[in-house]
Amino acid sequence: MPRIEIYTQPFCGYCYRAKKLLDDKGVEYEEIDIMEQPARRGEMIERAGGRSSTPQIFIDGQGIGGSDDIAAMNRKGELDTLLGLSSAS
């Protein structure tokens, strides 16, 4: 199973949507709340190539982008491949 990290902040509808998609896939992920851990915001921005919006999602260290990006990958069937799931999920 790949390592999934998602940088979030409270009251973020896009964060909720991305986490719900991952929850619906039944995969585990590490959530990094940048409001609770403000020192990690800079880490997120650096890893995301300058992107500062939340969520920022990483699968096995690869930046996926945000909520719209992961939703688009799911629609195309690319997300299941990255997550090691069969396309019938």
PDB file of N, CA and C in Angstrom:
ATOM      1  N   MET A   1       0.851  -1.178   0.000  1.00  0.00           N
ATOM      2  CA  MET A   1       0.000   0.000   0.000  1.00  0.00           C
ATOM      3  C   MET A   1       0.899   1.244   0.000  1.00  0.00           C
ATOM      4  N   PRO A   2       0.608   2.204  -0.856  1.00  0.00           N
ATOM      5  CA  PRO A   2       1.445   3.407  -0.929  1.00  0.00           C
ATOM      6  C   PRO A   2       1.271   4.286   0.310  1.00  0.00           C
ATOM      7  N   ARG A   3       2.281   5.119   0.547  1.00  0.00           N
ATOM      8  CA  ARG A   3       2.205   6.077   1.646  1.00  0.00           C
ATOM      9  C   ARG A   3       1.505   7.331   1.126  1.00  0.00           C
ATOM     10  N   ILE A   4       0.454   7.722   1.813  1.00  0.00           N
ATOM     11  CA  ILE A   4      -0.337   8.882   1.405  1.00  0.00           C
ATOM     12  C   ILE A   4      -0.262   9.930   2.506  1.00  0.00           C
ATOM     13  N   GLU A   5       0.085  11.147   2.105  1.00  0.00           N
ATOM     14  CA  GLU A   5       0.118  12.271   3.037  1.00  0.00           C
ATOM     15  C   GLU A   5      -0.777  13.365   2.472  1.00  0.00           C
ATOM     16  N   ILE A   6      -1.552  13.985   3.357  1.00  0.00           N
ATOM     17  CA  ILE A   6      -2.425  15.070   2.922  1.00  0.00           C
ATOM     18  C   ILE A   6      -2.314  16.212   3.928  1.00  0.00           C
ATOM     19  N   TYR A   7      -1.895  17.365   3.413  1.00  0.00           N
ATOM     20  CA  TYR A   7      -1.799  18.577   4.227  1.00  0.00           C
ATOM     21  C   TYR A   7      -3.161  19.255   4.191  1.00  0.00           C
ATOM     22  N   THR A   8      -3.699  19.551   5.360  1.00  0.00           N
ATOM     23  CA  THR A   8      -5.045  20.114   5.459  1.00  0.00           C
ATOM     24  C   THR A   8      -5.060  21.280   6.434  1.00  0.00           C
ATOM     25  N   GLN A   9      -6.230  21.927   6.503  1.00  0.00           N
ATOM     26  CA  GLN A   9      -6.500  22.886   7.560  1.00  0.00           C
ATOM     27  C   GLN A   9      -7.991  22.819   7.889  1.00  0.00           C
ATOM     28  N   PRO A  10      -8.364  23.237   9.101  1.00  0.00           N
ATOM     29  CA  PRO A  10      -9.765  23.159   9.508  1.00  0.00           C
ATOM     30  C   PRO A  10     -10.677  24.004   8.618  1.00  0.00           C
ATOM     31  N   PHE A  11     -11.919  23.584   8.541  1.00  0.00           N
ATOM     32  CA  PHE A  11     -12.962  24.322   7.820  1.00  0.00           C
ATOM     33  C   PHE A  11     -12.657  24.478   6.337  1.00  0.00           C
ATOM     34  N   CYS A  12     -11.941  23.532   5.789  1.00  0.00           N
ATOM     35  CA  CYS A  12     -11.574  23.544   4.374  1.00  0.00           C
ATOM     36  C   CYS A  12     -12.440  22.500   3.647  1.00  0.00           C
ATOM     37  N   GLY A  13     -13.382  22.981   2.865  1.00  0.00           N
ATOM     38  CA  GLY A  13     -14.266  22.075   2.143  1.00  0.00           C
ATOM     39  C   GLY A  13     -13.524  21.194   1.142  1.00  0.00           C
ATOM     40  N   TYR A  14     -12.489  21.741   0.524  1.00  0.00           N
ATOM     41  CA  TYR A  14     -11.707  20.962  -0.428  1.00  0.00           C
ATOM     42  C   TYR A  14     -10.942  19.845   0.286  1.00  0.00           C
ATOM     43  N   CYS A  15     -10.461  20.153   1.491  1.00  0.00           N
ATOM     44  CA  CYS A  15      -9.768  19.129   2.292  1.00  0.00           C
ATOM     45  C   CYS A  15     -10.734  18.006   2.637  1.00  0.00           C
ATOM     46  N   TYR A  16     -11.929  18.387   3.058  1.00  0.00           N
ATOM     47  CA  TYR A  16     -12.953  17.397   3.404  1.00  0.00           C
ATOM     48  C   TYR A  16     -13.248  16.512   2.203  1.00  0.00           C
ATOM     49  N   ARG A  17     -13.408  17.121   1.045  1.00  0.00           N
ATOM     50  CA  ARG A  17     -13.746  16.363  -0.165  1.00  0.00           C
ATOM     51  C   ARG A  17     -12.631  15.377  -0.535  1.00  0.00           C
ATOM     52  N   ALA A  18     -11.383  15.820  -0.437  1.00  0.00           N
ATOM     53  CA  ALA A  18     -10.250  14.940  -0.774  1.00  0.00           C
ATOM     54  C   ALA A  18     -10.153  13.789   0.229  1.00  0.00           C
ATOM     55  N   LYS A  19     -10.317  14.087   1.520  1.00  0.00           N
ATOM     56  CA  LYS A  19     -10.250  13.028   2.532  1.00  0.00           C
ATOM     57  C   LYS A  19     -11.400  12.053   2.367  1.00  0.00           C
ATOM     58  N   LYS A  20     -12.594  12.547   2.016  1.00  0.00           N
ATOM     59  CA  LYS A  20     -13.735  11.650   1.799  1.00  0.00           C
ATOM     60  C   LYS A  20     -13.467  10.700   0.643  1.00  0.00           C
ATOM     61  N   LEU A  21     -12.875  11.201  -0.421  1.00  0.00           N
ATOM     62  CA  LEU A  21     -12.541  10.338  -1.558  1.00  0.00           C
ATOM     63  C   LEU A  21     -11.574   9.236  -1.119  1.00  0.00           C
ATOM     64  N   LEU A  22     -10.552   9.599  -0.365  1.00  0.00           N
ATOM     65  CA  LEU A  22      -9.592   8.599   0.115  1.00  0.00           C
ATOM     66  C   LEU A  22     -10.262   7.629   1.089  1.00  0.00           C
ATOM     67  N   ASP A  23     -11.129   8.155   1.956  1.00  0.00           N
ATOM     68  CA  ASP A  23     -11.868   7.285   2.880  1.00  0.00           C
ATOM     69  C   ASP A  23     -12.748   6.297   2.112  1.00  0.00           C
ATOM     70  N   ASP A  24     -13.424   6.792   1.077  1.00  0.00           N
ATOM     71  CA  ASP A  24     -14.285   5.928   0.257  1.00  0.00           C
ATOM     72  C   ASP A  24     -13.482   4.843  -0.447  1.00  0.00           C
ATOM     73  N   LYS A  25     -12.220   5.129  -0.745  1.00  0.00           N
ATOM     74  CA  LYS A  25     -11.336   4.128  -1.369  1.00  0.00           C
ATOM     75  C   LYS A  25     -10.825   3.124  -0.338  1.00  0.00           C
ATOM     76  N   GLY A  26     -11.002   3.451   0.950  1.00  0.00           N
ATOM     77  CA  GLY A  26     -10.569   2.532   1.999  1.00  0.00           C
ATOM     78  C   GLY A  26      -9.076   2.515   2.236  1.00  0.00           C
ATOM     79  N   VAL A  27      -8.412   3.614   1.915  1.00  0.00           N
ATOM     80  CA  VAL A  27      -6.961   3.687   2.101  1.00  0.00           C
ATOM     81  C   VAL A  27      -6.626   4.534   3.325  1.00  0.00           C
ATOM     82  N   GLU A  28      -5.504   4.214   3.929  1.00  0.00           N
ATOM     83  CA  GLU A  28      -5.043   4.984   5.074  1.00  0.00           C
ATOM     84  C   GLU A  28      -4.158   6.118   4.586  1.00  0.00           C
ATOM     85  N   TYR A  29      -4.191   7.218   5.314  1.00  0.00           N
ATOM     86  CA  TYR A  29      -3.359   8.357   4.971  1.00  0.00           C
ATOM     87  C   TYR A  29      -2.960   9.090   6.242  1.00  0.00           C
ATOM     88  N   GLU A  30      -1.864   9.827   6.135  1.00  0.00           N
ATOM     89  CA  GLU A  30      -1.416  10.667   7.235  1.00  0.00           C
ATOM     90  C   GLU A  30      -1.931  12.069   6.961  1.00  0.00           C
ATOM     91  N   GLU A  31      -2.702  12.600   7.895  1.00  0.00           N
ATOM     92  CA  GLU A  31      -3.207  13.964   7.761  1.00  0.00           C
ATOM     93  C   GLU A  31      -2.301  14.903   8.546  1.00  0.00           C
ATOM     94  N   ILE A  32      -1.855  15.954   7.890  1.00  0.00           N
ATOM     95  CA  ILE A  32      -0.991  16.946   8.511  1.00  0.00           C
ATOM     96  C   ILE A  32      -1.765  18.259   8.524  1.00  0.00           C
ATOM     97  N   ASP A  33      -2.267  18.624   9.692  1.00  0.00           N
ATOM     98  CA  ASP A  33      -3.042  19.855   9.853  1.00  0.00           C
ATOM     99  C   ASP A  33      -2.066  21.017  10.033  1.00  0.00           C
ATOM    100  N   ILE A  34      -1.992  21.888   9.035  1.00  0.00           N
ATOM    101  CA  ILE A  34      -1.006  22.968   9.087  1.00  0.00           C
ATOM    102  C   ILE A  34      -1.406  24.095  10.036  1.00  0.00           C
ATOM    103  N   MET A  35      -2.614  24.062  10.551  1.00  0.00           N
ATOM    104  CA  MET A  35      -2.987  25.033  11.586  1.00  0.00           C
ATOM    105  C   MET A  35      -2.493  24.549  12.952  1.00  0.00           C
ATOM    106  N   GLU A  36      -2.571  23.240  13.173  1.00  0.00           N
ATOM    107  CA  GLU A  36      -2.071  22.664  14.421  1.00  0.00           C
ATOM    108  C   GLU A  36      -0.551  22.581  14.422  1.00  0.00           C
ATOM    109  N   GLN A  37       0.027  22.442  13.242  1.00  0.00           N
ATOM    110  CA  GLN A  37       1.479  22.325  13.088  1.00  0.00           C
ATOM    111  C   GLN A  37       1.957  23.377  12.090  1.00  0.00           C
ATOM    112  N   PRO A  38       1.933  24.653  12.485  1.00  0.00           N
ATOM    113  CA  PRO A  38       2.246  25.726  11.531  1.00  0.00           C
ATOM    114  C   PRO A  38       3.645  25.645  10.929  1.00  0.00           C
ATOM    115  N   ALA A  39       4.581  25.038  11.609  1.00  0.00           N
ATOM    116  CA  ALA A  39       5.936  24.908  11.060  1.00  0.00           C
ATOM    117  C   ALA A  39       5.950  24.031   9.809  1.00  0.00           C
ATOM    118  N   ARG A  40       4.925  23.217   9.634  1.00  0.00           N
ATOM    119  CA  ARG A  40       4.885  22.312   8.477  1.00  0.00           C
ATOM    120  C   ARG A  40       4.333  22.975   7.217  1.00  0.00           C
ATOM    121  N   ARG A  41       3.788  24.187   7.350  1.00  0.00           N
ATOM    122  CA  ARG A  41       3.277  24.908   6.167  1.00  0.00           C
ATOM    123  C   ARG A  41       4.400  25.126   5.150  1.00  0.00           C
ATOM    124  N   GLY A  42       5.547  25.582   5.617  1.00  0.00           N
ATOM    125  CA  GLY A  42       6.691  25.806   4.726  1.00  0.00           C
ATOM    126  C   GLY A  42       7.131  24.523   4.052  1.00  0.00           C
ATOM    127  N   GLU A  43       7.116  23.434   4.808  1.00  0.00           N
ATOM    128  CA  GLU A  43       7.447  22.111   4.249  1.00  0.00           C
ATOM    129  C   GLU A  43       6.486  21.760   3.118  1.00  0.00           C
ATOM    130  N   MET A  44       5.186  21.994   3.358  1.00  0.00           N
ATOM    131  CA  MET A  44       4.167  21.694   2.349  1.00  0.00           C
ATOM    132  C   MET A  44       4.414  22.509   1.085  1.00  0.00           C
ATOM    133  N   ILE A  45       4.653  23.814   1.249  1.00  0.00           N
ATOM    134  CA  ILE A  45       4.845  24.690   0.099  1.00  0.00           C
ATOM    135  C   ILE A  45       6.078  24.271  -0.699  1.00  0.00           C
ATOM    136  N   GLU A  46       7.138  23.941   0.000  1.00  0.00           N
ATOM    137  CA  GLU A  46       8.358  23.493  -0.682  1.00  0.00           C
ATOM    138  C   GLU A  46       8.110  22.196  -1.446  1.00  0.00           C
ATOM    139  N   ARG A  47       7.487  21.232  -0.781  1.00  0.00           N
ATOM    140  CA  ARG A  47       7.222  19.937  -1.436  1.00  0.00           C
ATOM    141  C   ARG A  47       6.266  20.075  -2.611  1.00  0.00           C
ATOM    142  N   ALA A  48       5.338  21.042  -2.516  1.00  0.00           N
ATOM    143  CA  ALA A  48       4.311  21.214  -3.546  1.00  0.00           C
ATOM    144  C   ALA A  48       4.748  22.174  -4.648  1.00  0.00           C
ATOM    145  N   GLY A  49       6.034  22.498  -4.694  1.00  0.00           N
ATOM    146  CA  GLY A  49       6.536  23.359  -5.761  1.00  0.00           C
ATOM    147  C   GLY A  49       5.990  24.769  -5.717  1.00  0.00           C
ATOM    148  N   GLY A  50       5.735  25.272  -4.502  1.00  0.00           N
ATOM    149  CA  GLY A  50       5.252  26.634  -4.357  1.00  0.00           C
ATOM    150  C   GLY A  50       3.759  26.765  -4.116  1.00  0.00           C
ATOM    151  N   ARG A  51       3.024  25.696  -4.294  1.00  0.00           N
ATOM    152  CA  ARG A  51       1.584  25.753  -4.034  1.00  0.00           C
ATOM    153  C   ARG A  51       1.353  25.924  -2.538  1.00  0.00           C
ATOM    154  N   SER A  52       0.455  26.832  -2.186  1.00  0.00           N
ATOM    155  CA  SER A  52       0.208  27.092  -0.770  1.00  0.00           C
ATOM    156  C   SER A  52      -1.218  26.790  -0.341  1.00  0.00           C
ATOM    157  N   SER A  53      -2.061  26.384  -1.263  1.00  0.00           N
ATOM    158  CA  SER A  53      -3.448  26.075  -0.922  1.00  0.00           C
ATOM    159  C   SER A  53      -3.551  24.663  -0.351  1.00  0.00           C
ATOM    160  N   THR A  54      -4.606  24.454   0.407  1.00  0.00           N
ATOM    161  CA  THR A  54      -4.861  23.115   0.936  1.00  0.00           C
ATOM    162  C   THR A  54      -6.112  22.568   0.267  1.00  0.00           C
ATOM    163  N   PRO A  55      -6.157  21.250   0.140  1.00  0.00           N
ATOM    164  CA  PRO A  55      -5.143  20.286   0.546  1.00  0.00           C
ATOM    165  C   PRO A  55      -4.015  20.189  -0.475  1.00  0.00           C
ATOM    166  N   GLN A  56      -2.912  19.658  -0.020  1.00  0.00           N
ATOM    167  CA  GLN A  56      -1.833  19.216  -0.904  1.00  0.00           C
ATOM    168  C   GLN A  56      -1.643  17.734  -0.599  1.00  0.00           C
ATOM    169  N   ILE A  57      -1.693  16.918  -1.633  1.00  0.00           N
ATOM    170  CA  ILE A  57      -1.707  15.467  -1.475  1.00  0.00           C
ATOM    171  C   ILE A  57      -0.462  14.868  -2.113  1.00  0.00           C
ATOM    172  N   PHE A  58       0.148  13.936  -1.389  1.00  0.00           N
ATOM    173  CA  PHE A  58       1.351  13.243  -1.856  1.00  0.00           C
ATOM    174  C   PHE A  58       1.122  11.745  -1.736  1.00  0.00           C
ATOM    175  N   ILE A  59       1.444  11.029  -2.798  1.00  0.00           N
ATOM    176  CA  ILE A  59       1.367   9.567  -2.792  1.00  0.00           C
ATOM    177  C   ILE A  59       2.763   9.053  -3.089  1.00  0.00           C
ATOM    178  N   ASP A  60       3.313   8.323  -2.120  1.00  0.00           N
ATOM    179  CA  ASP A  60       4.699   7.842  -2.198  1.00  0.00           C
ATOM    180  C   ASP A  60       5.662   8.980  -2.554  1.00  0.00           C
ATOM    181  N   GLY A  61       5.443  10.137  -1.926  1.00  0.00           N
ATOM    182  CA  GLY A  61       6.330  11.276  -2.104  1.00  0.00           C
ATOM    183  C   GLY A  61       6.071  12.112  -3.346  1.00  0.00           C
ATOM    184  N   GLN A  62       5.220  11.629  -4.235  1.00  0.00           N
ATOM    185  CA  GLN A  62       4.907  12.349  -5.476  1.00  0.00           C
ATOM    186  C   GLN A  62       3.752  13.312  -5.223  1.00  0.00           C
ATOM    187  N   GLY A  63       3.947  14.575  -5.553  1.00  0.00           N
ATOM    188  CA  GLY A  63       2.886  15.560  -5.410  1.00  0.00           C
ATOM    189  C   GLY A  63       1.775  15.309  -6.406  1.00  0.00           C
ATOM    190  N   ILE A  64       0.569  15.137  -5.890  1.00  0.00           N
ATOM    191  CA  ILE A  64      -0.602  14.883  -6.732  1.00  0.00           C
ATOM    192  C   ILE A  64      -1.337  16.185  -7.020  1.00  0.00           C
ATOM    193  N   GLY A  65      -1.251  17.125  -6.081  1.00  0.00           N
ATOM    194  CA  GLY A  65      -1.977  18.380  -6.202  1.00  0.00           C
ATOM    195  C   GLY A  65      -3.035  18.463  -5.124  1.00  0.00           C
ATOM    196  N   GLY A  66      -4.149  19.090  -5.472  1.00  0.00           N
ATOM    197  CA  GLY A  66      -5.216  19.299  -4.504  1.00  0.00           C
ATOM    198  C   GLY A  66      -6.441  18.455  -4.773  1.00  0.00           C
ATOM    199  N   SER A  67      -7.547  18.915  -4.226  1.00  0.00           N
ATOM    200  CA  SER A  67      -8.808  18.180  -4.298  1.00  0.00           C
ATOM    201  C   SER A  67      -9.289  17.974  -5.740  1.00  0.00           C
ATOM    202  N   ASP A  68      -9.251  19.037  -6.532  1.00  0.00           N
ATOM    203  CA  ASP A  68      -9.697  18.915  -7.929  1.00  0.00           C
ATOM    204  C   ASP A  68      -8.804  17.961  -8.707  1.00  0.00           C
ATOM    205  N   ASP A  69      -7.510  17.979  -8.394  1.00  0.00           N
ATOM    206  CA  ASP A  69      -6.561  17.108  -9.097  1.00  0.00           C
ATOM    207  C   ASP A  69      -6.817  15.633  -8.782  1.00  0.00           C
ATOM    208  N   ILE A  70      -7.027  15.334  -7.500  1.00  0.00           N
ATOM    209  CA  ILE A  70      -7.241  13.930  -7.128  1.00  0.00           C
ATOM    210  C   ILE A  70      -8.601  13.446  -7.645  1.00  0.00           C
ATOM    211  N   ALA A  71      -9.590  14.345  -7.671  1.00  0.00           N
ATOM    212  CA  ALA A  71     -10.902  13.972  -8.215  1.00  0.00           C
ATOM    213  C   ALA A  71     -10.801  13.676  -9.711  1.00  0.00           C
ATOM    214  N   ALA A  72     -10.021  14.480 -10.438  1.00  0.00           N
ATOM    215  CA  ALA A  72      -9.834  14.251 -11.878  1.00  0.00           C
ATOM    216  C   ALA A  72      -9.114  12.931 -12.122  1.00  0.00           C
ATOM    217  N   MET A  73      -8.106  12.648 -11.300  1.00  0.00           N
ATOM    218  CA  MET A  73      -7.395  11.368 -11.430  1.00  0.00           C
ATOM    219  C   MET A  73      -8.349  10.204 -11.188  1.00  0.00           C
ATOM    220  N   ASN A  74      -9.246  10.371 -10.234  1.00  0.00           N
ATOM    221  CA  ASN A  74     -10.210   9.317  -9.943  1.00  0.00           C
ATOM    222  C   ASN A  74     -11.156   9.099 -11.122  1.00  0.00           C
ATOM    223  N   ARG A  75     -11.638  10.183 -11.714  1.00  0.00           N
ATOM    224  CA  ARG A  75     -12.542  10.064 -12.867  1.00  0.00           C
ATOM    225  C   ARG A  75     -11.880   9.341 -14.036  1.00  0.00           C
ATOM    226  N   LYS A  76     -10.572   9.563 -14.214  1.00  0.00           N
ATOM    227  CA  LYS A  76      -9.840   8.947 -15.322  1.00  0.00           C
ATOM    228  C   LYS A  76      -9.392   7.515 -15.007  1.00  0.00           C
ATOM    229  N   GLY A  77      -9.591   7.076 -13.757  1.00  0.00           N
ATOM    230  CA  GLY A  77      -9.154   5.733 -13.368  1.00  0.00           C
ATOM    231  C   GLY A  77      -7.691   5.663 -12.967  1.00  0.00           C
ATOM    232  N   GLU A  78      -7.007   6.806 -12.942  1.00  0.00           N
ATOM    233  CA  GLU A  78      -5.581   6.828 -12.614  1.00  0.00           C
ATOM    234  C   GLU A  78      -5.320   6.686 -11.114  1.00  0.00           C
ATOM    235  N   LEU A  79      -6.253   7.133 -10.291  1.00  0.00           N
ATOM    236  CA  LEU A  79      -6.053   7.098  -8.847  1.00  0.00           C
ATOM    237  C   LEU A  79      -5.975   5.680  -8.322  1.00  0.00           C
ATOM    238  N   ASP A  80      -6.861   4.811  -8.786  1.00  0.00           N
ATOM    239  CA  ASP A  80      -6.836   3.419  -8.323  1.00  0.00           C
ATOM    240  C   ASP A  80      -5.500   2.770  -8.632  1.00  0.00           C
ATOM    241  N   THR A  81      -4.928   3.076  -9.772  1.00  0.00           N
ATOM    242  CA  THR A  81      -3.620   2.518 -10.131  1.00  0.00           C
ATOM    243  C   THR A  81      -2.550   2.985  -9.146  1.00  0.00           C
ATOM    244  N   LEU A  82      -2.533   4.281  -8.861  1.00  0.00           N
ATOM    245  CA  LEU A  82      -1.573   4.830  -7.914  1.00  0.00           C
ATOM    246  C   LEU A  82      -1.745   4.240  -6.516  1.00  0.00           C
ATOM    247  N   LEU A  83      -2.995   3.965  -6.147  1.00  0.00           N
ATOM    248  CA  LEU A  83      -3.276   3.431  -4.826  1.00  0.00           C
ATOM    249  C   LEU A  83      -3.124   1.918  -4.745  1.00  0.00           C
ATOM    250  N   GLY A  84      -2.874   1.283  -5.888  1.00  0.00           N
ATOM    251  CA  GLY A  84      -2.726  -0.173  -5.905  1.00  0.00           C
ATOM    252  C   GLY A  84      -4.042  -0.896  -5.778  1.00  0.00           C
ATOM    253  N   LEU A  85      -5.121  -0.256  -6.213  1.00  0.00           N
ATOM    254  CA  LEU A  85      -6.450  -0.846  -6.147  1.00  0.00           C
ATOM    255  C   LEU A  85      -6.866  -1.317  -7.527  1.00  0.00           C
ATOM    256  N   SER A  86      -7.756  -2.296  -7.571  1.00  0.00           N
ATOM    257  CA  SER A  86      -8.295  -2.709  -8.865  1.00  0.00           C
ATOM    258  C   SER A  86      -9.240  -1.634  -9.341  1.00  0.00           C
ATOM    259  N   SER A  87      -9.420  -1.500 -10.635  1.00  0.00           N
ATOM    260  CA  SER A  87     -10.291  -0.467 -11.183  1.00  0.00           C
ATOM    261  C   SER A  87     -11.755  -0.731 -10.869  1.00  0.00           C
ATOM    262  N   ALA A  88     -12.066  -1.886 -10.311  1.00  0.00           N
ATOM    263  CA  ALA A  88     -13.449  -2.208  -9.950  1.00  0.00           C
ATOM    264  C   ALA A  88     -13.837  -1.638  -8.600  1.00  0.00           C
ATOM    265  N   SER A  89     -12.926  -0.934  -7.918  1.00  0.00           N
ATOM    266  CA  SER A  89     -13.226  -0.373  -6.593  1.00  0.00           C
ATOM    267  C   SER A  89     -14.261   0.702  -6.673  1.00  0.00           C
TER     268      SER A  89
END
